[in-house]
Amino acid sequence: MFRERGYDGATLTALAEATGLERASLYHYFPGGKEAMAEAALSDVEDQLEATLLAPLRQGGTITERVEGMVRALDGYYNGGRSGCLLAALALNRSDHQLGTRVAASFEAWAKALTALAIEAGVPNPQVCAEDIIVLIQGGLVLSAGLSDPSPFRRALQRVVTLMAGSDEAPSGRRHQ
């Protein structure tokens, strides 16, 4: 629910309906209420981030193999562009909950791992390249959701490998310099 509707849209009623539990049962498992439920969902995403995105970037193999591993993981995690991103959903209304620091840390960890790989690849301005990759992926997810068509996300994933290789222009039309 948090992934689909964000923090504000994931009401206790919607969470109860999605889980098949009564509201009292939700409070039994999560005495901290909605905030505790969102924290649990974010913990799961943090674990997934480490296992499916960051670990493949740090493993052995060529840079292309590592980026392709991350892309495959993203494709699976986001159901080919049909599922949204919890980090993005929580980031959009960070002031309404206490998870903002953790959301920012997750994006920073992803950018840091991509920056390190871009440095290894010899990509000029590696931090910009890393951020452009995240923007491309997240933008692809948003556009795919808005159009109810996973094609933009699929194209974004295809561009990620070429951006890291430095062989393509950045989304803004300039090269990573």
C-alpha atoms as a PDB file:
ATOM      1  CA  MET A   1       0.000   0.000   0.000  1.00  0.00           C
ATOM      2  CA  PHE A   2       2.800   2.422   0.825  1.00  0.00           C
ATOM      3  CA  ARG A   3       4.442   1.607  -2.495  1.00  0.00           C
ATOM      4  CA  GLU A   4       1.219   2.137  -4.414  1.00  0.00           C
ATOM      5  CA  ARG A   5      -0.284   5.079  -2.530  1.00  0.00           C
ATOM      6  CA  GLY A   6       2.546   6.726  -0.614  1.00  0.00           C
ATOM      7  CA  TYR A   7       2.492   7.448   3.094  1.00  0.00           C
ATOM      8  CA  ASP A   8      -0.624   9.624   3.138  1.00  0.00           C
ATOM      9  CA  GLY A   9      -2.639   7.377   0.824  1.00  0.00           C
ATOM     10  CA  ALA A  10      -1.880   4.235   2.801  1.00  0.00           C
ATOM     11  CA  THR A  11      -4.660   4.720   5.321  1.00  0.00           C
ATOM     12  CA  LEU A  12      -5.225   2.225   8.088  1.00  0.00           C
ATOM     13  CA  THR A  13      -8.438   1.187   6.355  1.00  0.00           C
ATOM     14  CA  ALA A  14      -6.568   0.552   3.092  1.00  0.00           C
ATOM     15  CA  LEU A  15      -3.796  -1.310   4.942  1.00  0.00           C
ATOM     16  CA  ALA A  16      -6.366  -3.474   6.726  1.00  0.00           C
ATOM     17  CA  GLU A  17      -8.137  -4.271   3.463  1.00  0.00           C
ATOM     18  CA  ALA A  18      -4.859  -5.073   1.670  1.00  0.00           C
ATOM     19  CA  THR A  19      -3.653  -7.403   4.424  1.00  0.00           C
ATOM     20  CA  GLY A  20      -7.009  -8.960   5.224  1.00  0.00           C
ATOM     21  CA  LEU A  21      -6.492  -8.052   8.872  1.00  0.00           C
ATOM     22  CA  GLU A  22      -8.681  -6.017  11.177  1.00  0.00           C
ATOM     23  CA  ARG A  23      -7.322  -2.668  12.291  1.00  0.00           C
ATOM     24  CA  ALA A  24      -6.903  -4.052  15.818  1.00  0.00           C
ATOM     25  CA  SER A  25      -4.721  -6.843  14.443  1.00  0.00           C
ATOM     26  CA  LEU A  26      -2.579  -4.319  12.613  1.00  0.00           C
ATOM     27  CA  TYR A  27      -2.043  -2.471  15.894  1.00  0.00           C
ATOM     28  CA  HIS A  28      -1.227  -5.786  17.579  1.00  0.00           C
ATOM     29  CA  TYR A  29       1.585  -6.440  15.099  1.00  0.00           C
ATOM     30  CA  PHE A  30       2.548  -2.774  14.784  1.00  0.00           C
ATOM     31  CA  PRO A  31       1.865  -0.991  18.106  1.00  0.00           C
ATOM     32  CA  GLY A  32       3.414   2.150  16.617  1.00  0.00           C
ATOM     33  CA  GLY A  33       0.596   2.317  14.081  1.00  0.00           C
ATOM     34  CA  LYS A  34       1.019   3.476  10.525  1.00  0.00           C
ATOM     35  CA  GLU A  35       4.516   4.871  11.154  1.00  0.00           C
ATOM     36  CA  ALA A  36       5.697   1.458  12.385  1.00  0.00           C
ATOM     37  CA  MET A  37       4.143  -0.213   9.343  1.00  0.00           C
ATOM     38  CA  ALA A  38       5.908   2.223   7.031  1.00  0.00           C
ATOM     39  CA  GLU A  39       9.171   1.612   8.918  1.00  0.00           C
ATOM     40  CA  ALA A  40       8.781  -2.141   8.395  1.00  0.00           C
ATOM     41  CA  ALA A  41       8.099  -1.635   4.685  1.00  0.00           C
ATOM     42  CA  LEU A  42      11.122   0.647   4.417  1.00  0.00           C
ATOM     43  CA  SER A  43      13.306  -1.894   6.243  1.00  0.00           C
ATOM     44  CA  ASP A  44      12.311  -4.448   3.629  1.00  0.00           C
ATOM     45  CA  VAL A  45      13.227  -2.021   0.838  1.00  0.00           C
ATOM     46  CA  GLU A  46      16.571  -1.256   2.495  1.00  0.00           C
ATOM     47  CA  ASP A  47      17.326  -4.995   2.593  1.00  0.00           C
ATOM     48  CA  GLN A  48      16.291  -5.356  -1.057  1.00  0.00           C
ATOM     49  CA  LEU A  49      18.403  -2.339  -2.014  1.00  0.00           C
ATOM     50  CA  GLU A  50      21.465  -3.918  -0.481  1.00  0.00           C
ATOM     51  CA  ALA A  51      20.842  -7.383  -1.914  1.00  0.00           C
ATOM     52  CA  THR A  52      19.583  -6.530  -5.376  1.00  0.00           C
ATOM     53  CA  LEU A  53      21.185  -3.201  -6.267  1.00  0.00           C
ATOM     54  CA  LEU A  54      24.265  -2.516  -4.212  1.00  0.00           C
ATOM     55  CA  ALA A  55      25.641  -6.051  -3.950  1.00  0.00           C
ATOM     56  CA  PRO A  56      25.653  -6.640  -7.737  1.00  0.00           C
ATOM     57  CA  LEU A  57      27.486  -3.334  -8.226  1.00  0.00           C
ATOM     58  CA  ARG A  58      30.232  -4.402  -5.788  1.00  0.00           C
ATOM     59  CA  GLN A  59      30.654  -7.969  -7.027  1.00  0.00           C
ATOM     60  CA  GLY A  60      33.357  -9.131  -9.378  1.00  0.00           C
ATOM     61  CA  GLY A  61      32.966  -9.043 -13.094  1.00  0.00           C
ATOM     62  CA  THR A  62      33.136  -6.337 -15.671  1.00  0.00           C
ATOM     63  CA  ILE A  63      31.449  -3.014 -15.126  1.00  0.00           C
ATOM     64  CA  THR A  64      28.894  -3.891 -17.793  1.00  0.00           C
ATOM     65  CA  GLU A  65      28.136  -7.215 -16.095  1.00  0.00           C
ATOM     66  CA  ARG A  66      27.614  -5.495 -12.752  1.00  0.00           C
ATOM     67  CA  VAL A  67      25.377  -2.791 -14.190  1.00  0.00           C
ATOM     68  CA  GLU A  68      23.419  -5.397 -16.129  1.00  0.00           C
ATOM     69  CA  GLY A  69      22.989  -7.342 -12.870  1.00  0.00           C
ATOM     70  CA  MET A  70      21.564  -4.244 -11.221  1.00  0.00           C
ATOM     71  CA  VAL A  71      19.295  -3.630 -14.226  1.00  0.00           C
ATOM     72  CA  ARG A  72      17.970  -7.210 -14.112  1.00  0.00           C
ATOM     73  CA  ALA A  73      17.297  -6.838 -10.402  1.00  0.00           C
ATOM     74  CA  LEU A  74      15.476  -3.540 -10.935  1.00  0.00           C
ATOM     75  CA  ASP A  75      13.434  -5.024 -13.743  1.00  0.00           C
ATOM     76  CA  GLY A  76      12.335  -7.870 -11.503  1.00  0.00           C
ATOM     77  CA  TYR A  77      11.757  -5.749  -8.414  1.00  0.00           C
ATOM     78  CA  TYR A  78       9.642  -3.214 -10.286  1.00  0.00           C
ATOM     79  CA  ASN A  79       7.792  -5.923 -12.222  1.00  0.00           C
ATOM     80  CA  GLY A  80       9.021  -4.642 -15.572  1.00  0.00           C
ATOM     81  CA  GLY A  81       7.910  -1.094 -14.748  1.00  0.00           C
ATOM     82  CA  ARG A  82       4.453  -2.039 -13.511  1.00  0.00           C
ATOM     83  CA  SER A  83       5.189  -1.453  -9.807  1.00  0.00           C
ATOM     84  CA  GLY A  84       6.130   1.785  -8.127  1.00  0.00           C
ATOM     85  CA  CYS A  85       9.043   2.649  -5.873  1.00  0.00           C
ATOM     86  CA  LEU A  86       8.495   2.874  -2.137  1.00  0.00           C
ATOM     87  CA  LEU A  87      11.482   5.191  -1.718  1.00  0.00           C
ATOM     88  CA  ALA A  88      10.030   7.600  -4.264  1.00  0.00           C
ATOM     89  CA  ALA A  89       6.547   7.386  -2.754  1.00  0.00           C
ATOM     90  CA  LEU A  90       7.883   8.153   0.721  1.00  0.00           C
ATOM     91  CA  ALA A  91      10.216  10.863  -0.570  1.00  0.00           C
ATOM     92  CA  LEU A  92       7.345  12.821  -2.080  1.00  0.00           C
ATOM     93  CA  ASN A  93       5.823  13.643   1.306  1.00  0.00           C
ATOM     94  CA  ARG A  94       8.824  13.368   3.618  1.00  0.00           C
ATOM     95  CA  SER A  95       7.691  16.142   5.944  1.00  0.00           C
ATOM     96  CA  ASP A  96       4.631  14.147   6.998  1.00  0.00           C
ATOM     97  CA  HIS A  97       6.562  11.296   8.615  1.00  0.00           C
ATOM     98  CA  GLN A  98       9.863  10.563  10.299  1.00  0.00           C
ATOM     99  CA  LEU A  99      11.260   8.307   7.563  1.00  0.00           C
ATOM    100  CA  GLY A 100      12.835  11.070   5.473  1.00  0.00           C
ATOM    101  CA  THR A 101      16.342  10.528   6.805  1.00  0.00           C
ATOM    102  CA  ARG A 102      16.231   6.822   5.981  1.00  0.00           C
ATOM    103  CA  VAL A 103      14.781   7.476   2.518  1.00  0.00           C
ATOM    104  CA  ALA A 104      17.558   9.989   1.813  1.00  0.00           C
ATOM    105  CA  ALA A 105      20.187   7.540   3.112  1.00  0.00           C
ATOM    106  CA  SER A 106      18.909   4.831   0.757  1.00  0.00           C
ATOM    107  CA  PHE A 107      19.101   7.106  -2.274  1.00  0.00           C
ATOM    108  CA  GLU A 108      22.545   8.293  -1.144  1.00  0.00           C
ATOM    109  CA  ALA A 109      23.804   4.703  -0.776  1.00  0.00           C
ATOM    110  CA  TRP A 110      22.579   3.883  -4.287  1.00  0.00           C
ATOM    111  CA  ALA A 111      24.195   7.016  -5.719  1.00  0.00           C
ATOM    112  CA  LYS A 112      27.434   6.314  -3.850  1.00  0.00           C
ATOM    113  CA  ALA A 113      27.629   2.765  -5.232  1.00  0.00           C
ATOM    114  CA  LEU A 114      26.940   3.990  -8.768  1.00  0.00           C
ATOM    115  CA  THR A 115      29.472   6.813  -8.359  1.00  0.00           C
ATOM    116  CA  ALA A 116      32.160   4.341  -7.272  1.00  0.00           C
ATOM    117  CA  LEU A 117      31.420   2.191 -10.302  1.00  0.00           C
ATOM    118  CA  ALA A 118      31.480   5.217 -12.593  1.00  0.00           C
ATOM    119  CA  ILE A 119      34.895   6.186 -11.175  1.00  0.00           C
ATOM    120  CA  GLU A 120      36.118   2.665 -11.855  1.00  0.00           C
ATOM    121  CA  ALA A 121      34.713   2.903 -15.391  1.00  0.00           C
ATOM    122  CA  GLY A 122      36.508   6.200 -15.967  1.00  0.00           C
ATOM    123  CA  VAL A 123      33.277   8.058 -16.645  1.00  0.00           C
ATOM    124  CA  PRO A 124      33.801  11.834 -16.509  1.00  0.00           C
ATOM    125  CA  ASN A 125      31.884  13.471 -13.648  1.00  0.00           C
ATOM    126  CA  PRO A 126      30.900  10.165 -12.024  1.00  0.00           C
ATOM    127  CA  GLN A 127      28.560  11.663  -9.433  1.00  0.00           C
ATOM    128  CA  VAL A 128      26.466  13.352 -12.132  1.00  0.00           C
ATOM    129  CA  CYS A 129      26.391  10.104 -14.088  1.00  0.00           C
ATOM    130  CA  ALA A 130      25.201   8.211 -10.992  1.00  0.00           C
ATOM    131  CA  GLU A 131      22.489  10.758 -10.282  1.00  0.00           C
ATOM    132  CA  ASP A 132      21.406  10.789 -13.935  1.00  0.00           C
ATOM    133  CA  ILE A 133      21.022   7.004 -13.808  1.00  0.00           C
ATOM    134  CA  ILE A 134      18.790   7.199 -10.736  1.00  0.00           C
ATOM    135  CA  VAL A 135      16.775  10.029 -12.287  1.00  0.00           C
ATOM    136  CA  LEU A 136      16.377   8.020 -15.475  1.00  0.00           C
ATOM    137  CA  ILE A 137      15.178   4.939 -13.596  1.00  0.00           C
ATOM    138  CA  GLN A 138      12.838   6.820 -11.276  1.00  0.00           C
ATOM    139  CA  GLY A 139      11.525   8.970 -14.125  1.00  0.00           C
ATOM    140  CA  GLY A 140      10.896   5.850 -16.182  1.00  0.00           C
ATOM    141  CA  LEU A 141       8.871   4.407 -13.315  1.00  0.00           C
ATOM    142  CA  VAL A 142       6.815   7.579 -12.927  1.00  0.00           C
ATOM    143  CA  LEU A 143       6.116   7.924 -16.645  1.00  0.00           C
ATOM    144  CA  SER A 144       5.258   4.227 -16.923  1.00  0.00           C
ATOM    145  CA  ALA A 145       2.785   4.601 -14.058  1.00  0.00           C
ATOM    146  CA  GLY A 146       1.291   7.753 -15.541  1.00  0.00           C
ATOM    147  CA  LEU A 147       0.844   6.177 -18.957  1.00  0.00           C
ATOM    148  CA  SER A 148      -0.064   2.709 -17.645  1.00  0.00           C
ATOM    149  CA  ASP A 149       2.617   1.482 -20.021  1.00  0.00           C
ATOM    150  CA  PRO A 150       5.911  -0.078 -18.861  1.00  0.00           C
ATOM    151  CA  SER A 151       7.746   0.933 -22.051  1.00  0.00           C
ATOM    152  CA  PRO A 152       9.377   4.107 -20.653  1.00  0.00           C
ATOM    153  CA  PHE A 153      10.830   2.141 -17.737  1.00  0.00           C
ATOM    154  CA  ARG A 154      12.077  -0.587 -20.065  1.00  0.00           C
ATOM    155  CA  ARG A 155      13.817   2.028 -22.249  1.00  0.00           C
ATOM    156  CA  ALA A 156      15.302   3.673 -19.172  1.00  0.00           C
ATOM    157  CA  LEU A 157      16.847   0.385 -18.089  1.00  0.00           C
ATOM    158  CA  GLN A 158      18.333  -0.098 -21.557  1.00  0.00           C
ATOM    159  CA  ARG A 159      19.952   3.350 -21.363  1.00  0.00           C
ATOM    160  CA  VAL A 160      21.519   2.743 -17.950  1.00  0.00           C
ATOM    161  CA  VAL A 161      24.247   0.452 -19.263  1.00  0.00           C
ATOM    162  CA  THR A 162      25.196   2.857 -22.052  1.00  0.00           C
ATOM    163  CA  LEU A 163      25.267   5.809 -19.660  1.00  0.00           C
ATOM    164  CA  MET A 164      27.652   3.986 -17.355  1.00  0.00           C
ATOM    165  CA  ALA A 165      29.817   3.066 -20.318  1.00  0.00           C
ATOM    166  CA  GLY A 166      29.941   6.777 -21.163  1.00  0.00           C
ATOM    167  CA  SER A 167      29.093   6.000 -24.756  1.00  0.00           C
ATOM    168  CA  ASP A 168      25.782   7.802 -24.852  1.00  0.00           C
ATOM    169  CA  GLU A 169      24.591  11.293 -24.111  1.00  0.00           C
ATOM    170  CA  ALA A 170      23.064  12.122 -20.770  1.00  0.00           C
ATOM    171  CA  PRO A 171      19.287  12.598 -20.652  1.00  0.00           C
ATOM    172  CA  SER A 172      19.747  16.367 -20.721  1.00  0.00           C
ATOM    173  CA  GLY A 173      21.431  16.111 -24.131  1.00  0.00           C
ATOM    174  CA  ARG A 174      24.913  16.740 -22.766  1.00  0.00           C
ATOM    175  CA  ARG A 175      27.639  14.254 -22.139  1.00  0.00           C
ATOM    176  CA  HIS A 176      28.753  13.498 -18.589  1.00  0.00           C
ATOM    177  CA  GLN A 177      31.570  15.998 -18.255  1.00  0.00           C
END
